[in-house]
Amino acid sequence: MSVHMSTEKMTKVEESFQRALGLKKMVDRWRNSHTHCLWQMTLSQRRNPYATLRMQDTMVQELALANKQLLMVRQAALHQLFEKEHQQYQQELNQMGKAFYVERL
């Protein structure tokens, strides 16, 4: 009986050892993968400052152009508003029999 029990214990110990070995291999694979991932991140961080600087420069230029375009759009809208108000005042003056003074050359 004692021999049978020790064989059974040995099998359980061996199974436990194999399970622990499998877990260790899995942890080692995860650790290697994690280390590789960190290495890739630091590598891309070392490469990316130049790309980031170029992108920031491009963004600054695009923002300046967008602001310039927005200013032009606002000026055009203001010009249209002034023209519309001028025509409205001209119509009101015409209804009263009056007009703006226009110097003829």
Protein backbone atom coordinates (compact mmCIF):
# COMPACT_ATOMS: atom_id res chain seq x y z
CA MET A 1 0.00 0.00 0.00
CA SER A 2 2.79 2.33 0.90
CA VAL A 3 4.41 1.90 -2.52
CA HIS A 4 1.11 2.54 -4.30
CA MET A 5 0.58 5.70 -2.22
CA SER A 6 4.03 7.07 -2.98
CA THR A 7 3.52 6.47 -6.72
CA GLU A 8 0.23 8.32 -6.52
CA LYS A 9 1.89 11.13 -4.60
CA MET A 10 4.72 11.24 -7.15
CA THR A 11 2.20 11.54 -9.98
CA LYS A 12 0.44 14.42 -8.22
CA VAL A 13 3.74 16.12 -7.48
CA GLU A 14 4.80 15.68 -11.10
CA GLU A 15 1.47 17.08 -12.35
CA SER A 16 1.82 20.00 -9.98
CA PHE A 17 5.39 20.54 -11.17
CA GLN A 18 4.29 20.43 -14.83
CA ARG A 19 1.48 22.93 -14.09
CA ALA A 20 3.94 25.24 -12.29
CA LEU A 21 6.39 24.90 -15.18
CA GLY A 22 3.62 25.80 -17.65
CA LEU A 23 2.68 28.83 -15.57
CA LYS A 24 6.32 29.90 -15.36
CA LYS A 25 6.66 29.62 -19.16
CA MET A 26 3.49 31.68 -19.58
CA VAL A 27 4.78 34.36 -17.17
CA ASP A 28 8.14 34.40 -18.99
CA ARG A 29 6.39 34.83 -22.36
CA TRP A 30 4.28 37.66 -20.90
CA ARG A 31 7.37 39.31 -19.38
CA ASN A 32 9.26 39.10 -22.69
CA SER A 33 6.26 40.46 -24.55
CA HIS A 34 5.90 43.28 -22.01
CA THR A 35 9.60 44.12 -22.27
CA HIS A 36 9.40 44.11 -26.07
CA CYS A 37 6.34 46.38 -25.93
CA LEU A 38 8.12 48.84 -23.61
CA TRP A 39 11.15 48.79 -25.90
CA GLN A 40 8.94 49.54 -28.92
CA MET A 41 7.25 52.41 -27.05
CA THR A 42 10.54 54.03 -26.07
CA LEU A 43 11.84 53.52 -29.62
CA SER A 44 8.79 55.25 -31.09
CA GLN A 45 9.06 58.01 -28.50
CA ARG A 46 12.65 58.61 -29.58
CA ARG A 47 11.63 58.67 -33.25
CA ASN A 48 8.46 60.69 -32.82
CA PRO A 49 9.75 64.01 -31.41
CA TYR A 50 10.75 65.08 -34.92
CA ALA A 51 7.43 63.96 -36.37
CA THR A 52 5.62 65.68 -33.51
CA LEU A 53 7.54 68.91 -34.08
CA ARG A 54 6.78 68.78 -37.82
CA MET A 55 3.13 68.12 -37.09
CA GLN A 56 2.97 70.98 -34.58
CA ASP A 57 4.58 73.33 -37.11
CA THR A 58 2.05 72.24 -39.74
CA MET A 59 -0.79 72.73 -37.27
CA VAL A 60 0.42 76.24 -36.43
CA GLN A 61 0.58 77.11 -40.14
CA GLU A 62 -2.88 75.67 -40.79
CA LEU A 63 -4.29 77.54 -37.81
CA ALA A 64 -2.81 80.81 -39.08
CA LEU A 65 -4.31 80.22 -42.53
CA ALA A 66 -7.68 79.32 -41.00
CA ASN A 67 -7.63 82.52 -38.95
CA LYS A 68 -6.79 84.53 -42.06
CA GLN A 69 -9.65 82.89 -43.98
CA LEU A 70 -12.04 83.48 -41.09
CA LEU A 71 -11.05 87.15 -41.04
CA MET A 72 -11.70 87.41 -44.78
CA VAL A 73 -15.11 85.74 -44.41
CA ARG A 74 -16.05 88.09 -41.57
CA GLN A 75 -14.92 91.12 -43.56
CA ALA A 76 -16.98 90.00 -46.57
CA ALA A 77 -20.05 89.43 -44.37
CA LEU A 78 -19.61 92.88 -42.79
CA HIS A 79 -19.23 94.44 -46.24
CA GLN A 80 -22.47 92.78 -47.38
CA LEU A 81 -24.25 94.01 -44.24
CA PHE A 82 -23.08 97.59 -44.88
CA GLU A 83 -24.19 97.37 -48.53
CA LYS A 84 -27.62 96.06 -47.50
CA GLU A 85 -28.03 98.83 -44.89
CA HIS A 86 -26.92 101.46 -47.44
CA GLN A 87 -29.53 100.22 -49.95
CA GLN A 88 -32.19 100.20 -47.22
CA TYR A 89 -31.36 103.79 -46.22
CA GLN A 90 -31.35 104.80 -49.89
CA GLN A 91 -34.86 103.31 -50.35
CA GLU A 92 -36.14 105.09 -47.23
CA LEU A 93 -34.70 108.40 -48.45
CA ASN A 94 -36.23 107.84 -51.94
CA GLN A 95 -39.64 107.29 -50.32
CA MET A 96 -39.27 110.66 -48.58
CA GLY A 97 -38.11 112.27 -51.82
CA LYS A 98 -34.54 112.67 -50.69
CA ALA A 99 -31.20 111.06 -51.64
CA PHE A 100 -27.60 110.68 -50.55
CA TYR A 101 -25.26 113.37 -51.83
CA VAL A 102 -23.12 111.81 -54.56
CA GLU A 103 -20.37 113.90 -56.11
CA ARG A 104 -20.23 113.39 -59.87
CA LEU A 105 -16.92 113.61 -61.61
